[in-house]
Amino acid sequence: MIEVAVTGAGGHMGREVIAAATDRDGMAVTLAVNRTSVDPVAGHEVEDEGELPALLAAREPDVLVDFTLPDPSTRYVEACADAGVAAVVGTTGFSESQLSVLTGAAESVPVLRAANFARGVAALRRAIREAVAAVPSYDVELTETHHNRKRDAPSGTALTILDDVEGARDDADADRVHGREGEQPREDGEIGVHARRAGDVTGEHELLLAGNHEVLTLTHRAESRGVFAEGALDAAEWVVGHSAGEYDFEDAL
């Protein structure tokens, strides 16, 4: 039985993770915390996140799953390192200094971090790397759409896709142009990036490649947050028992 701790239990993703873990064979939610007081989630009491270090020491879960914000997420992973608990992190928008903290924690425990836990996005990224390598001279435009409450733009998934594109082109100095206004003739080698925020869209990413009188588009659309919760729990099952270090979702797949 894998025992799971969940942070941000009162948020959309925290609730999805708790519900999915409760329904999954061989897994149990042993600890759920939130920054504000909330009613039980899927039958599990939600406790004060300020008590997380003591709760981790007392309950001894195998792994913590976090979808929150960069500041609290950084603290939660540090607490995992102190308690010897593996961490699966789906939070995005970290600063370089915060990422260095996560790297430091990974010297003590396994830390698996991903911008997206959908298996379809993992397949999309593989397809993008192959497609971009096959048509390296084509223009590239990336558009991502999320709900109107998402804080970071572009999304963490979009940034990961951009890294994939630049890696496939061996062009670490590509010029990322975020939206266009006024006179903006396209320059060679630039990558257009467009972030849209509207309604309750769970998440959509489209990469457009155009050149030689043809257009290729590669698209992924998530229709439920449950996709990300299930993927994060797949990652949690995988990371438990692994040695300390930094991992990503493709390692788990």
C-alpha atoms as a PDB file:
ATOM      1  CA  MET A   1       0.000   0.000   0.000  1.00  0.00           C
ATOM      2  CA  ILE A   2       1.441   3.367  -1.057  1.00  0.00           C
ATOM      3  CA  GLU A   3       0.552   6.125   1.397  1.00  0.00           C
ATOM      4  CA  VAL A   4       0.133   9.562  -0.156  1.00  0.00           C
ATOM      5  CA  ALA A   5       0.185  13.085   1.259  1.00  0.00           C
ATOM      6  CA  VAL A   6      -1.606  15.789  -0.737  1.00  0.00           C
ATOM      7  CA  THR A   7      -1.014  19.535  -0.487  1.00  0.00           C
ATOM      8  CA  GLY A   8      -3.448  22.174  -1.702  1.00  0.00           C
ATOM      9  CA  ALA A   9      -6.231  19.779  -0.776  1.00  0.00           C
ATOM     10  CA  GLY A  10      -8.896  22.460  -1.104  1.00  0.00           C
ATOM     11  CA  GLY A  11      -7.910  23.425  -4.656  1.00  0.00           C
ATOM     12  CA  HIS A  12      -9.190  21.979  -7.905  1.00  0.00           C
ATOM     13  CA  MET A  13      -6.175  19.730  -8.469  1.00  0.00           C
ATOM     14  CA  GLY A  14      -5.808  18.752  -4.817  1.00  0.00           C
ATOM     15  CA  ARG A  15      -9.397  17.538  -4.784  1.00  0.00           C
ATOM     16  CA  GLU A  16      -8.863  15.609  -8.015  1.00  0.00           C
ATOM     17  CA  VAL A  17      -5.729  13.931  -6.638  1.00  0.00           C
ATOM     18  CA  ILE A  18      -7.429  12.944  -3.370  1.00  0.00           C
ATOM     19  CA  ALA A  19     -10.457  11.513  -5.172  1.00  0.00           C
ATOM     20  CA  ALA A  20      -8.322   9.581  -7.644  1.00  0.00           C
ATOM     21  CA  ALA A  21      -5.997   8.216  -4.957  1.00  0.00           C
ATOM     22  CA  THR A  22      -8.966   7.158  -2.816  1.00  0.00           C
ATOM     23  CA  ASP A  23     -10.343   5.128  -5.730  1.00  0.00           C
ATOM     24  CA  ARG A  24      -7.008   3.586  -6.745  1.00  0.00           C
ATOM     25  CA  ASP A  25      -6.131   0.059  -5.635  1.00  0.00           C
ATOM     26  CA  GLY A  26      -2.937  -0.161  -3.591  1.00  0.00           C
ATOM     27  CA  MET A  27      -2.969   3.501  -2.608  1.00  0.00           C
ATOM     28  CA  ALA A  28      -4.286   5.437   0.396  1.00  0.00           C
ATOM     29  CA  VAL A  29      -4.405   9.116   1.324  1.00  0.00           C
ATOM     30  CA  THR A  30      -2.773   9.371   4.724  1.00  0.00           C
ATOM     31  CA  LEU A  31      -2.461  13.157   4.914  1.00  0.00           C
ATOM     32  CA  ALA A  32      -4.103  16.174   3.265  1.00  0.00           C
ATOM     33  CA  VAL A  33      -3.272  19.808   4.009  1.00  0.00           C
ATOM     34  CA  ASN A  34      -4.421  23.210   2.828  1.00  0.00           C
ATOM     35  CA  ARG A  35      -3.482  26.818   3.559  1.00  0.00           C
ATOM     36  CA  THR A  36      -7.063  27.703   4.553  1.00  0.00           C
ATOM     37  CA  SER A  37      -9.668  25.707   6.446  1.00  0.00           C
ATOM     38  CA  VAL A  38     -11.838  23.494   4.226  1.00  0.00           C
ATOM     39  CA  ASP A  39     -14.332  20.705   4.770  1.00  0.00           C
ATOM     40  CA  PRO A  40     -13.237  17.080   4.360  1.00  0.00           C
ATOM     41  CA  VAL A  41     -12.416  16.066   0.787  1.00  0.00           C
ATOM     42  CA  ALA A  42     -13.560  12.621  -0.382  1.00  0.00           C
ATOM     43  CA  GLY A  43     -13.906  11.666   3.274  1.00  0.00           C
ATOM     44  CA  HIS A  44     -10.438  12.817   4.276  1.00  0.00           C
ATOM     45  CA  GLU A  45      -9.857  15.458   6.936  1.00  0.00           C
ATOM     46  CA  VAL A  46      -7.896  18.453   5.650  1.00  0.00           C
ATOM     47  CA  GLU A  47      -5.331  19.820   8.088  1.00  0.00           C
ATOM     48  CA  ASP A  48      -3.337  23.052   8.383  1.00  0.00           C
ATOM     49  CA  GLU A  49      -0.427  23.224   5.946  1.00  0.00           C
ATOM     50  CA  GLY A  50       1.604  25.022   8.590  1.00  0.00           C
ATOM     51  CA  GLU A  51       1.792  21.709  10.455  1.00  0.00           C
ATOM     52  CA  LEU A  52       3.112  19.811   7.434  1.00  0.00           C
ATOM     53  CA  PRO A  53       6.654  19.133   8.747  1.00  0.00           C
ATOM     54  CA  ALA A  54       5.306  17.627  11.970  1.00  0.00           C
ATOM     55  CA  LEU A  55       2.567  15.723  10.117  1.00  0.00           C
ATOM     56  CA  LEU A  56       5.068  14.209   7.696  1.00  0.00           C
ATOM     57  CA  ALA A  57       7.202  13.039  10.600  1.00  0.00           C
ATOM     58  CA  ALA A  58       4.191  11.578  12.431  1.00  0.00           C
ATOM     59  CA  ARG A  59       2.343   9.939   9.511  1.00  0.00           C
ATOM     60  CA  GLU A  60       5.384   8.884   7.454  1.00  0.00           C
ATOM     61  CA  PRO A  61       3.737   8.857   4.001  1.00  0.00           C
ATOM     62  CA  ASP A  62       5.648   7.376   1.100  1.00  0.00           C
ATOM     63  CA  VAL A  63       5.168  10.297  -1.264  1.00  0.00           C
ATOM     64  CA  LEU A  64       3.737  13.806  -1.369  1.00  0.00           C
ATOM     65  CA  VAL A  65       1.813  15.116  -4.410  1.00  0.00           C
ATOM     66  CA  ASP A  66       1.795  18.887  -4.868  1.00  0.00           C
ATOM     67  CA  PHE A  67      -0.188  21.122  -7.224  1.00  0.00           C
ATOM     68  CA  THR A  68      -0.091  24.527  -5.547  1.00  0.00           C
ATOM     69  CA  LEU A  69       1.961  27.705  -6.083  1.00  0.00           C
ATOM     70  CA  PRO A  70       5.738  28.174  -6.294  1.00  0.00           C
ATOM     71  CA  ASP A  71       6.300  29.663  -2.825  1.00  0.00           C
ATOM     72  CA  PRO A  72       4.413  27.051  -0.786  1.00  0.00           C
ATOM     73  CA  SER A  73       5.499  24.251  -3.106  1.00  0.00           C
ATOM     74  CA  THR A  74       9.142  25.078  -2.432  1.00  0.00           C
ATOM     75  CA  ARG A  75       8.526  24.880   1.311  1.00  0.00           C
ATOM     76  CA  TYR A  76       6.639  21.600   0.971  1.00  0.00           C
ATOM     77  CA  VAL A  77       9.455  19.943  -0.966  1.00  0.00           C
ATOM     78  CA  GLU A  78      11.988  21.156   1.600  1.00  0.00           C
ATOM     79  CA  ALA A  79       9.819  19.549   4.304  1.00  0.00           C
ATOM     80  CA  CYS A  80       9.799  16.321   2.297  1.00  0.00           C
ATOM     81  CA  ALA A  81      13.593  16.360   2.138  1.00  0.00           C
ATOM     82  CA  ASP A  82      13.789  16.769   5.910  1.00  0.00           C
ATOM     83  CA  ALA A  83      11.283  13.957   6.486  1.00  0.00           C
ATOM     84  CA  GLY A  84      12.660  11.545   3.885  1.00  0.00           C
ATOM     85  CA  VAL A  85       9.472  11.615   1.790  1.00  0.00           C
ATOM     86  CA  ALA A  86       9.479  11.438  -2.017  1.00  0.00           C
ATOM     87  CA  ALA A  87       7.822  14.346  -3.829  1.00  0.00           C
ATOM     88  CA  VAL A  88       5.804  14.622  -7.042  1.00  0.00           C
ATOM     89  CA  VAL A  89       5.429  18.248  -8.116  1.00  0.00           C
ATOM     90  CA  GLY A  90       2.981  19.536 -10.717  1.00  0.00           C
ATOM     91  CA  THR A  91       3.306  23.178  -9.717  1.00  0.00           C
ATOM     92  CA  THR A  92       4.658  25.519 -12.415  1.00  0.00           C
ATOM     93  CA  GLY A  93       6.029  29.051 -12.530  1.00  0.00           C
ATOM     94  CA  PHE A  94       9.096  28.529 -10.321  1.00  0.00           C
ATOM     95  CA  SER A  95      11.861  31.120 -10.305  1.00  0.00           C
ATOM     96  CA  GLU A  96      15.467  30.057 -10.820  1.00  0.00           C
ATOM     97  CA  SER A  97      16.163  30.410  -7.098  1.00  0.00           C
ATOM     98  CA  GLN A  98      13.154  28.241  -6.248  1.00  0.00           C
ATOM     99  CA  LEU A  99      14.246  25.602  -8.740  1.00  0.00           C
ATOM    100  CA  SER A 100      17.648  25.525  -7.050  1.00  0.00           C
ATOM    101  CA  VAL A 101      15.883  24.731  -3.765  1.00  0.00           C
ATOM    102  CA  LEU A 102      14.113  21.784  -5.408  1.00  0.00           C
ATOM    103  CA  THR A 103      17.429  20.600  -6.806  1.00  0.00           C
ATOM    104  CA  GLY A 104      18.907  20.771  -3.322  1.00  0.00           C
ATOM    105  CA  ALA A 105      16.027  18.739  -1.909  1.00  0.00           C
ATOM    106  CA  ALA A 106      16.616  16.097  -4.583  1.00  0.00           C
ATOM    107  CA  GLU A 107      19.984  15.386  -3.012  1.00  0.00           C
ATOM    108  CA  SER A 108      18.073  13.813  -0.101  1.00  0.00           C
ATOM    109  CA  VAL A 109      14.893  12.384  -1.669  1.00  0.00           C
ATOM    110  CA  PRO A 110      13.534  11.611  -5.130  1.00  0.00           C
ATOM    111  CA  VAL A 111      11.769  14.672  -6.586  1.00  0.00           C
ATOM    112  CA  LEU A 112       9.735  14.139  -9.747  1.00  0.00           C
ATOM    113  CA  ARG A 113       8.640  17.415 -11.316  1.00  0.00           C
ATOM    114  CA  ALA A 114       6.632  17.938 -14.485  1.00  0.00           C
ATOM    115  CA  ALA A 115       4.727  20.802 -16.053  1.00  0.00           C
ATOM    116  CA  ASN A 116       2.110  18.359 -17.301  1.00  0.00           C
ATOM    117  CA  PHE A 117       1.136  14.853 -16.187  1.00  0.00           C
ATOM    118  CA  ALA A 118      -1.060  13.932 -19.168  1.00  0.00           C
ATOM    119  CA  ARG A 119       0.196  10.904 -21.077  1.00  0.00           C
ATOM    120  CA  GLY A 120      -1.081  12.538 -24.249  1.00  0.00           C
ATOM    121  CA  VAL A 121       1.176  15.538 -23.686  1.00  0.00           C
ATOM    122  CA  ALA A 122       4.162  13.208 -23.295  1.00  0.00           C
ATOM    123  CA  ALA A 123       3.231  11.681 -26.667  1.00  0.00           C
ATOM    124  CA  LEU A 124       2.759  15.173 -28.140  1.00  0.00           C
ATOM    125  CA  ARG A 125       6.234  16.224 -27.025  1.00  0.00           C
ATOM    126  CA  ARG A 126       7.809  13.196 -28.686  1.00  0.00           C
ATOM    127  CA  ALA A 127       5.895  13.937 -31.895  1.00  0.00           C
ATOM    128  CA  ILE A 128       6.940  17.597 -31.792  1.00  0.00           C
ATOM    129  CA  ARG A 129      10.613  16.756 -31.451  1.00  0.00           C
ATOM    130  CA  GLU A 130      10.419  14.454 -34.479  1.00  0.00           C
ATOM    131  CA  ALA A 131       8.371  16.879 -36.575  1.00  0.00           C
ATOM    132  CA  VAL A 132      10.565  19.901 -35.869  1.00  0.00           C
ATOM    133  CA  ALA A 133      13.697  17.927 -36.682  1.00  0.00           C
ATOM    134  CA  ALA A 134      12.113  16.826 -39.979  1.00  0.00           C
ATOM    135  CA  VAL A 135      11.238  20.395 -41.083  1.00  0.00           C
ATOM    136  CA  PRO A 136      13.859  22.572 -39.371  1.00  0.00           C
ATOM    137  CA  SER A 137      13.343  25.593 -41.632  1.00  0.00           C
ATOM    138  CA  TYR A 138       9.575  25.904 -41.102  1.00  0.00           C
ATOM    139  CA  ASP A 139       8.074  28.776 -39.125  1.00  0.00           C
ATOM    140  CA  VAL A 140       6.885  27.829 -35.637  1.00  0.00           C
ATOM    141  CA  GLU A 141       3.960  29.271 -33.677  1.00  0.00           C
ATOM    142  CA  LEU A 142       2.750  27.950 -30.313  1.00  0.00           C
ATOM    143  CA  THR A 143      -0.681  28.756 -28.899  1.00  0.00           C
ATOM    144  CA  GLU A 144      -1.901  27.652 -25.474  1.00  0.00           C
ATOM    145  CA  THR A 145      -5.318  28.158 -23.898  1.00  0.00           C
ATOM    146  CA  HIS A 146      -6.285  27.789 -20.241  1.00  0.00           C
ATOM    147  CA  HIS A 147      -9.056  28.796 -17.861  1.00  0.00           C
ATOM    148  CA  ASN A 148      -9.380  32.388 -16.742  1.00  0.00           C
ATOM    149  CA  ARG A 149      -7.893  31.722 -13.287  1.00  0.00           C
ATOM    150  CA  LYS A 150      -4.506  30.414 -14.400  1.00  0.00           C
ATOM    151  CA  ARG A 151      -1.729  32.637 -13.075  1.00  0.00           C
ATOM    152  CA  ASP A 152       1.392  31.917 -15.135  1.00  0.00           C
ATOM    153  CA  ALA A 153       1.685  32.685 -18.834  1.00  0.00           C
ATOM    154  CA  PRO A 154       2.886  31.041 -20.943  1.00  0.00           C
ATOM    155  CA  SER A 155       1.960  27.819 -19.197  1.00  0.00           C
ATOM    156  CA  GLY A 156       4.622  25.492 -17.853  1.00  0.00           C
ATOM    157  CA  THR A 157       3.682  22.978 -20.550  1.00  0.00           C
ATOM    158  CA  ALA A 158       4.126  25.623 -23.251  1.00  0.00           C
ATOM    159  CA  LEU A 159       7.589  26.477 -21.926  1.00  0.00           C
ATOM    160  CA  THR A 160       8.515  22.795 -21.969  1.00  0.00           C
ATOM    161  CA  ILE A 161       7.334  22.494 -25.578  1.00  0.00           C
ATOM    162  CA  LEU A 162       9.396  25.542 -26.525  1.00  0.00           C
ATOM    163  CA  ASP A 163      12.455  23.895 -24.979  1.00  0.00           C
ATOM    164  CA  ASP A 164      11.697  20.774 -27.044  1.00  0.00           C
ATOM    165  CA  VAL A 165      11.458  22.840 -30.242  1.00  0.00           C
ATOM    166  CA  GLU A 166      14.722  24.645 -29.590  1.00  0.00           C
ATOM    167  CA  GLY A 167      16.440  21.390 -28.660  1.00  0.00           C
ATOM    168  CA  ALA A 168      15.278  19.695 -31.864  1.00  0.00           C
ATOM    169  CA  ARG A 169      16.604  22.657 -33.852  1.00  0.00           C
ATOM    170  CA  ASP A 170      19.789  22.893 -31.791  1.00  0.00           C
ATOM    171  CA  ASP A 171      18.946  26.574 -31.306  1.00  0.00           C
ATOM    172  CA  ALA A 172      19.150  27.640 -27.694  1.00  0.00           C
ATOM    173  CA  ASP A 173      19.140  31.305 -28.746  1.00  0.00           C
ATOM    174  CA  ALA A 174      15.803  31.277 -30.605  1.00  0.00           C
ATOM    175  CA  ASP A 175      13.851  34.497 -30.259  1.00  0.00           C
ATOM    176  CA  ARG A 176      10.538  33.844 -28.500  1.00  0.00           C
ATOM    177  CA  VAL A 177       8.048  36.541 -29.527  1.00  0.00           C
ATOM    178  CA  HIS A 178       5.093  36.769 -27.152  1.00  0.00           C
ATOM    179  CA  GLY A 179       2.142  38.016 -29.156  1.00  0.00           C
ATOM    180  CA  ARG A 180       2.410  40.701 -31.823  1.00  0.00           C
ATOM    181  CA  GLU A 181       1.210  44.260 -32.088  1.00  0.00           C
ATOM    182  CA  GLY A 182       1.796  47.011 -34.638  1.00  0.00           C
ATOM    183  CA  GLU A 183       4.396  46.462 -37.341  1.00  0.00           C
ATOM    184  CA  GLN A 184       5.861  43.064 -36.531  1.00  0.00           C
ATOM    185  CA  PRO A 185       7.276  41.384 -39.648  1.00  0.00           C
ATOM    186  CA  ARG A 186       8.352  37.855 -38.842  1.00  0.00           C
ATOM    187  CA  GLU A 187      12.070  37.387 -38.412  1.00  0.00           C
ATOM    188  CA  ASP A 188      13.932  34.239 -39.395  1.00  0.00           C
ATOM    189  CA  GLY A 189      14.193  31.742 -36.553  1.00  0.00           C
ATOM    190  CA  GLU A 190      11.710  33.386 -34.220  1.00  0.00           C
ATOM    191  CA  ILE A 191       9.024  31.380 -32.418  1.00  0.00           C
ATOM    192  CA  GLY A 192       5.652  33.011 -31.877  1.00  0.00           C
ATOM    193  CA  VAL A 193       4.074  32.336 -28.479  1.00  0.00           C
ATOM    194  CA  HIS A 194       0.441  33.116 -27.696  1.00  0.00           C
ATOM    195  CA  ALA A 195      -1.317  32.590 -24.351  1.00  0.00           C
ATOM    196  CA  ARG A 196      -5.105  32.741 -24.121  1.00  0.00           C
ATOM    197  CA  ARG A 197      -7.136  32.739 -20.886  1.00  0.00           C
ATOM    198  CA  ALA A 198     -10.882  32.159 -21.048  1.00  0.00           C
ATOM    199  CA  GLY A 199     -13.739  30.418 -19.266  1.00  0.00           C
ATOM    200  CA  ASP A 200     -13.059  27.011 -17.758  1.00  0.00           C
ATOM    201  CA  VAL A 201     -10.766  25.566 -20.441  1.00  0.00           C
ATOM    202  CA  THR A 202      -8.732  22.812 -18.781  1.00  0.00           C
ATOM    203  CA  GLY A 203      -5.799  23.089 -21.152  1.00  0.00           C
ATOM    204  CA  GLU A 204      -5.023  23.122 -24.861  1.00  0.00           C
ATOM    205  CA  HIS A 205      -1.686  23.397 -26.673  1.00  0.00           C
ATOM    206  CA  GLU A 206      -1.184  23.687 -30.421  1.00  0.00           C
ATOM    207  CA  LEU A 207       2.102  23.838 -32.293  1.00  0.00           C
ATOM    208  CA  LEU A 208       1.931  25.104 -35.876  1.00  0.00           C
ATOM    209  CA  LEU A 209       4.705  24.437 -38.386  1.00  0.00           C
ATOM    210  CA  ALA A 210       4.403  26.214 -41.729  1.00  0.00           C
ATOM    211  CA  GLY A 211       6.602  26.396 -44.826  1.00  0.00           C
ATOM    212  CA  ASN A 212       7.015  25.070 -48.355  1.00  0.00           C
ATOM    213  CA  HIS A 213       3.304  25.755 -49.067  1.00  0.00           C
ATOM    214  CA  GLU A 214       2.120  23.410 -46.311  1.00  0.00           C
ATOM    215  CA  VAL A 215       0.955  23.597 -42.706  1.00  0.00           C
ATOM    216  CA  LEU A 216       1.321  20.971 -39.971  1.00  0.00           C
ATOM    217  CA  THR A 217      -0.425  21.349 -36.596  1.00  0.00           C
ATOM    218  CA  LEU A 218       0.064  19.168 -33.521  1.00  0.00           C
ATOM    219  CA  THR A 219      -2.540  19.617 -30.794  1.00  0.00           C
ATOM    220  CA  HIS A 220      -3.399  18.269 -27.365  1.00  0.00           C
ATOM    221  CA  ARG A 221      -6.554  19.131 -25.457  1.00  0.00           C
ATOM    222  CA  ALA A 222      -7.255  18.007 -21.900  1.00  0.00           C
ATOM    223  CA  GLU A 223     -10.962  17.686 -21.165  1.00  0.00           C
ATOM    224  CA  SER A 224     -10.708  16.972 -17.429  1.00  0.00           C
ATOM    225  CA  ARG A 225      -8.283  17.758 -14.617  1.00  0.00           C
ATOM    226  CA  GLY A 226      -8.590  14.090 -13.708  1.00  0.00           C
ATOM    227  CA  VAL A 227      -6.120  13.365 -16.522  1.00  0.00           C
ATOM    228  CA  PHE A 228      -3.408  15.227 -14.626  1.00  0.00           C
ATOM    229  CA  ALA A 229      -4.348  13.676 -11.280  1.00  0.00           C
ATOM    230  CA  GLU A 230      -4.129  10.132 -12.644  1.00  0.00           C
ATOM    231  CA  GLY A 231      -0.784  10.881 -14.285  1.00  0.00           C
ATOM    232  CA  ALA A 232       0.595  12.368 -11.078  1.00  0.00           C
ATOM    233  CA  LEU A 233      -0.434   9.242  -9.176  1.00  0.00           C
ATOM    234  CA  ASP A 234       1.220   7.066 -11.830  1.00  0.00           C
ATOM    235  CA  ALA A 235       4.350   9.118 -11.194  1.00  0.00           C
ATOM    236  CA  ALA A 236       3.915   8.725  -7.427  1.00  0.00           C
ATOM    237  CA  GLU A 237       3.730   4.941  -7.747  1.00  0.00           C
ATOM    238  CA  TRP A 238       6.884   4.957  -9.857  1.00  0.00           C
ATOM    239  CA  VAL A 239       8.998   7.316  -7.773  1.00  0.00           C
ATOM    240  CA  VAL A 240       8.473   5.532  -4.448  1.00  0.00           C
ATOM    241  CA  GLY A 241      11.515   3.405  -3.793  1.00  0.00           C
ATOM    242  CA  HIS A 242      13.771   5.207  -6.261  1.00  0.00           C
ATOM    243  CA  SER A 243      16.970   6.802  -5.093  1.00  0.00           C
ATOM    244  CA  ALA A 244      17.331  10.520  -4.408  1.00  0.00           C
ATOM    245  CA  GLY A 245      17.521  12.642  -7.514  1.00  0.00           C
ATOM    246  CA  GLU A 246      15.569  14.737  -9.985  1.00  0.00           C
ATOM    247  CA  TYR A 247      13.116  12.978 -12.299  1.00  0.00           C
ATOM    248  CA  ASP A 248      10.439  13.955 -14.793  1.00  0.00           C
ATOM    249  CA  PHE A 249       7.241  12.327 -16.043  1.00  0.00           C
ATOM    250  CA  GLU A 250       8.942  10.736 -19.038  1.00  0.00           C
ATOM    251  CA  ASP A 251      11.144   8.806 -16.597  1.00  0.00           C
ATOM    252  CA  ALA A 252       8.003   7.357 -15.041  1.00  0.00           C
ATOM    253  CA  LEU A 253       6.525   6.489 -18.431  1.00  0.00           C
END
